[in-house]
Amino acid sequence: MAAKTPVANQIRRLRFESGEMSQKALAEAVGVTRQTIVAIENAKYAPSLELAFLIARRFDKPLEEVFWYQDTDAPKGS
C-alpha cells in the first residue's frame, strides 16, 4: 500500500461544486489519466507543480486554495 503524501487537496469537493465534474473530465482537461486524478485526490500522489497549477486554474482558484502541505513533523501548538 502506498504511503500518503503530505500534500493535501480539496479536488473532490471542487469537482462536485463544478457541476459534479467527473474524475475523467478533470483528467482530460489537464492532460492526465483518470487514475492520476484518483491518486491525487486520495493523497497517494503529489502532483508536479505544473499539474497543480493546471488543476487550480481549471477550478479558477489560487493554488493554495486547492493544495496545501500538511507538515507532519511540525511541533504541536506551533
N, C-alpha and C. Protein backbone atom coordinates (compact mmCIF):
# COMPACT_ATOMS: atom_id res chain seq x y z
N MET A 1 0.84 -1.18 0.00
CA MET A 1 0.00 0.00 0.00
C MET A 1 0.88 1.24 0.00
N ALA A 2 0.59 2.18 -0.86
CA ALA A 2 1.39 3.40 -0.98
C ALA A 2 1.17 4.30 0.23
N ALA A 3 2.25 4.95 0.64
CA ALA A 3 2.16 5.89 1.75
C ALA A 3 1.45 7.17 1.29
N LYS A 4 0.78 7.81 2.21
CA LYS A 4 0.11 9.07 1.88
C LYS A 4 1.17 10.17 1.76
N THR A 5 0.92 11.10 0.86
CA THR A 5 1.79 12.25 0.70
C THR A 5 1.32 13.36 1.64
N PRO A 6 2.23 14.23 2.09
CA PRO A 6 1.79 15.34 2.94
C PRO A 6 1.11 16.46 2.17
N VAL A 7 0.94 16.30 0.86
CA VAL A 7 0.25 17.31 0.06
C VAL A 7 -1.24 16.97 0.04
N ALA A 8 -2.03 17.79 0.72
CA ALA A 8 -3.47 17.57 0.79
C ALA A 8 -4.17 18.44 -0.25
N ASN A 9 -5.41 18.11 -0.54
CA ASN A 9 -6.14 18.88 -1.56
C ASN A 9 -7.64 18.79 -1.30
N GLN A 10 -8.35 19.63 -2.03
CA GLN A 10 -9.82 19.60 -1.97
C GLN A 10 -10.40 19.43 -3.37
N ILE A 11 -9.74 18.64 -4.18
CA ILE A 11 -10.19 18.44 -5.56
C ILE A 11 -11.58 17.80 -5.60
N ARG A 12 -11.81 16.83 -4.78
CA ARG A 12 -13.12 16.15 -4.80
C ARG A 12 -14.25 17.15 -4.56
N ARG A 13 -14.12 17.99 -3.54
CA ARG A 13 -15.14 18.99 -3.25
C ARG A 13 -15.29 19.97 -4.41
N LEU A 14 -14.18 20.41 -4.97
CA LEU A 14 -14.24 21.35 -6.08
C LEU A 14 -14.89 20.73 -7.31
N ARG A 15 -14.65 19.45 -7.55
CA ARG A 15 -15.30 18.77 -8.69
C ARG A 15 -16.81 18.79 -8.52
N PHE A 16 -17.28 18.52 -7.31
CA PHE A 16 -18.72 18.48 -7.09
C PHE A 16 -19.34 19.87 -7.12
N GLU A 17 -18.58 20.86 -6.69
CA GLU A 17 -19.07 22.24 -6.78
C GLU A 17 -19.07 22.75 -8.23
N SER A 18 -18.36 22.05 -9.10
CA SER A 18 -18.29 22.41 -10.52
C SER A 18 -19.23 21.53 -11.34
N GLY A 19 -20.44 21.40 -10.88
CA GLY A 19 -21.44 20.63 -11.61
C GLY A 19 -21.19 19.14 -11.59
N GLU A 20 -20.64 18.65 -10.48
CA GLU A 20 -20.34 17.22 -10.33
C GLU A 20 -19.46 16.71 -11.45
N MET A 21 -18.40 17.46 -11.73
CA MET A 21 -17.42 17.08 -12.75
C MET A 21 -16.83 15.70 -12.41
N SER A 22 -16.72 14.86 -13.40
CA SER A 22 -16.15 13.53 -13.17
C SER A 22 -14.62 13.61 -13.10
N GLN A 23 -14.04 12.59 -12.51
CA GLN A 23 -12.58 12.49 -12.48
C GLN A 23 -12.04 12.43 -13.90
N LYS A 24 -12.74 11.72 -14.76
CA LYS A 24 -12.32 11.61 -16.16
C LYS A 24 -12.32 12.97 -16.85
N ALA A 25 -13.37 13.77 -16.63
CA ALA A 25 -13.45 15.09 -17.25
C ALA A 25 -12.31 15.99 -16.78
N LEU A 26 -12.01 15.96 -15.49
CA LEU A 26 -10.90 16.75 -14.97
C LEU A 26 -9.58 16.27 -15.57
N ALA A 27 -9.41 14.96 -15.61
CA ALA A 27 -8.17 14.39 -16.17
C ALA A 27 -7.97 14.84 -17.61
N GLU A 28 -9.03 14.77 -18.41
CA GLU A 28 -8.94 15.19 -19.81
C GLU A 28 -8.64 16.69 -19.92
N ALA A 29 -9.20 17.49 -19.03
CA ALA A 29 -9.00 18.94 -19.07
C ALA A 29 -7.56 19.33 -18.76
N VAL A 30 -6.87 18.53 -17.94
CA VAL A 30 -5.50 18.88 -17.56
C VAL A 30 -4.45 17.96 -18.18
N GLY A 31 -4.89 16.99 -18.99
CA GLY A 31 -3.95 16.16 -19.74
C GLY A 31 -3.30 15.02 -18.99
N VAL A 32 -4.04 14.40 -18.06
CA VAL A 32 -3.53 13.23 -17.35
C VAL A 32 -4.59 12.13 -17.39
N THR A 33 -4.30 10.99 -16.80
CA THR A 33 -5.27 9.89 -16.75
C THR A 33 -6.20 10.06 -15.55
N ARG A 34 -7.34 9.40 -15.63
CA ARG A 34 -8.28 9.40 -14.51
C ARG A 34 -7.61 8.81 -13.27
N GLN A 35 -6.76 7.80 -13.47
CA GLN A 35 -6.07 7.17 -12.34
C GLN A 35 -5.16 8.16 -11.62
N THR A 36 -4.57 9.09 -12.37
CA THR A 36 -3.74 10.12 -11.75
C THR A 36 -4.58 11.01 -10.85
N ILE A 37 -5.75 11.40 -11.32
CA ILE A 37 -6.64 12.24 -10.51
C ILE A 37 -7.07 11.48 -9.25
N VAL A 38 -7.39 10.20 -9.39
CA VAL A 38 -7.77 9.38 -8.24
C VAL A 38 -6.64 9.37 -7.21
N ALA A 39 -5.41 9.15 -7.67
CA ALA A 39 -4.26 9.09 -6.76
C ALA A 39 -4.02 10.43 -6.07
N ILE A 40 -4.18 11.52 -6.80
CA ILE A 40 -4.00 12.84 -6.20
C ILE A 40 -5.09 13.11 -5.16
N GLU A 41 -6.34 12.84 -5.52
CA GLU A 41 -7.47 13.06 -4.58
C GLU A 41 -7.28 12.27 -3.30
N ASN A 42 -6.76 11.06 -3.41
CA ASN A 42 -6.58 10.19 -2.24
C ASN A 42 -5.25 10.39 -1.54
N ALA A 43 -4.51 11.44 -1.93
CA ALA A 43 -3.21 11.79 -1.33
C ALA A 43 -2.21 10.64 -1.44
N LYS A 44 -2.32 9.86 -2.51
CA LYS A 44 -1.36 8.79 -2.77
C LYS A 44 -0.25 9.28 -3.70
N TYR A 45 -0.45 10.45 -4.29
CA TYR A 45 0.48 11.01 -5.27
C TYR A 45 0.42 12.53 -5.19
N ALA A 46 1.59 13.16 -5.09
CA ALA A 46 1.66 14.62 -5.11
C ALA A 46 1.89 15.05 -6.56
N PRO A 47 1.05 15.92 -7.08
CA PRO A 47 1.21 16.33 -8.47
C PRO A 47 2.45 17.20 -8.66
N SER A 48 2.93 17.25 -9.88
CA SER A 48 4.01 18.19 -10.20
C SER A 48 3.47 19.59 -9.99
N LEU A 49 4.36 20.53 -9.86
CA LEU A 49 3.93 21.92 -9.69
C LEU A 49 3.11 22.37 -10.89
N GLU A 50 3.54 22.00 -12.08
CA GLU A 50 2.81 22.37 -13.30
C GLU A 50 1.39 21.79 -13.27
N LEU A 51 1.26 20.52 -12.92
CA LEU A 51 -0.07 19.90 -12.87
C LEU A 51 -0.93 20.54 -11.79
N ALA A 52 -0.33 20.85 -10.65
CA ALA A 52 -1.09 21.50 -9.58
C ALA A 52 -1.65 22.85 -10.05
N PHE A 53 -0.83 23.62 -10.77
CA PHE A 53 -1.31 24.89 -11.30
C PHE A 53 -2.42 24.69 -12.32
N LEU A 54 -2.29 23.68 -13.19
CA LEU A 54 -3.32 23.41 -14.19
C LEU A 54 -4.65 23.04 -13.53
N ILE A 55 -4.57 22.23 -12.49
CA ILE A 55 -5.80 21.83 -11.78
C ILE A 55 -6.42 23.05 -11.10
N ALA A 56 -5.62 23.85 -10.42
CA ALA A 56 -6.14 25.05 -9.76
C ALA A 56 -6.76 25.99 -10.79
N ARG A 57 -6.10 26.16 -11.93
CA ARG A 57 -6.62 27.04 -12.98
C ARG A 57 -7.95 26.51 -13.50
N ARG A 58 -8.09 25.20 -13.61
CA ARG A 58 -9.33 24.59 -14.12
C ARG A 58 -10.52 24.97 -13.23
N PHE A 59 -10.25 25.10 -11.91
CA PHE A 59 -11.30 25.46 -10.97
C PHE A 59 -11.34 26.98 -10.71
N ASP A 60 -10.47 27.72 -11.39
CA ASP A 60 -10.38 29.18 -11.23
C ASP A 60 -10.14 29.55 -9.77
N LYS A 61 -9.18 28.84 -9.15
CA LYS A 61 -8.83 29.06 -7.75
C LYS A 61 -7.32 29.27 -7.64
N PRO A 62 -6.88 30.03 -6.63
CA PRO A 62 -5.44 30.11 -6.37
C PRO A 62 -4.93 28.73 -5.94
N LEU A 63 -3.69 28.45 -6.24
CA LEU A 63 -3.09 27.15 -5.93
C LEU A 63 -3.31 26.76 -4.47
N GLU A 64 -3.10 27.70 -3.56
CA GLU A 64 -3.19 27.37 -2.13
C GLU A 64 -4.61 27.10 -1.65
N GLU A 65 -5.61 27.38 -2.47
CA GLU A 65 -6.99 27.02 -2.12
C GLU A 65 -7.33 25.60 -2.58
N VAL A 66 -6.48 25.04 -3.42
CA VAL A 66 -6.71 23.68 -3.92
C VAL A 66 -5.78 22.69 -3.23
N PHE A 67 -4.52 23.09 -3.04
CA PHE A 67 -3.50 22.22 -2.44
C PHE A 67 -2.86 22.92 -1.25
N TRP A 68 -2.44 22.13 -0.26
CA TRP A 68 -1.67 22.66 0.86
C TRP A 68 -0.80 21.54 1.41
N TYR A 69 0.25 21.94 2.10
CA TYR A 69 1.21 21.00 2.66
C TYR A 69 0.87 20.76 4.12
N GLN A 70 0.71 19.51 4.48
CA GLN A 70 0.45 19.15 5.87
C GLN A 70 1.78 18.74 6.48
N ASP A 71 2.37 19.61 7.26
CA ASP A 71 3.66 19.35 7.86
C ASP A 71 3.49 18.43 9.06
N THR A 72 3.76 17.16 8.86
CA THR A 72 3.55 16.17 9.93
C THR A 72 4.68 16.20 10.94
N ASP A 73 5.80 16.88 10.63
CA ASP A 73 6.93 16.95 11.55
C ASP A 73 6.92 18.20 12.43
N ALA A 74 5.97 19.09 12.19
CA ALA A 74 5.92 20.33 12.95
C ALA A 74 5.54 20.03 14.40
N PRO A 75 6.17 20.71 15.35
CA PRO A 75 5.79 20.52 16.75
C PRO A 75 4.35 20.94 16.99
N LYS A 76 3.67 20.25 17.87
CA LYS A 76 2.27 20.57 18.18
C LYS A 76 2.19 21.95 18.83
N GLY A 77 1.16 22.71 18.47
CA GLY A 77 0.94 24.01 19.07
C GLY A 77 1.75 25.13 18.44
N SER A 78 2.46 24.85 17.34
CA SER A 78 3.24 25.93 16.72
C SER A 78 2.62 26.42 15.45
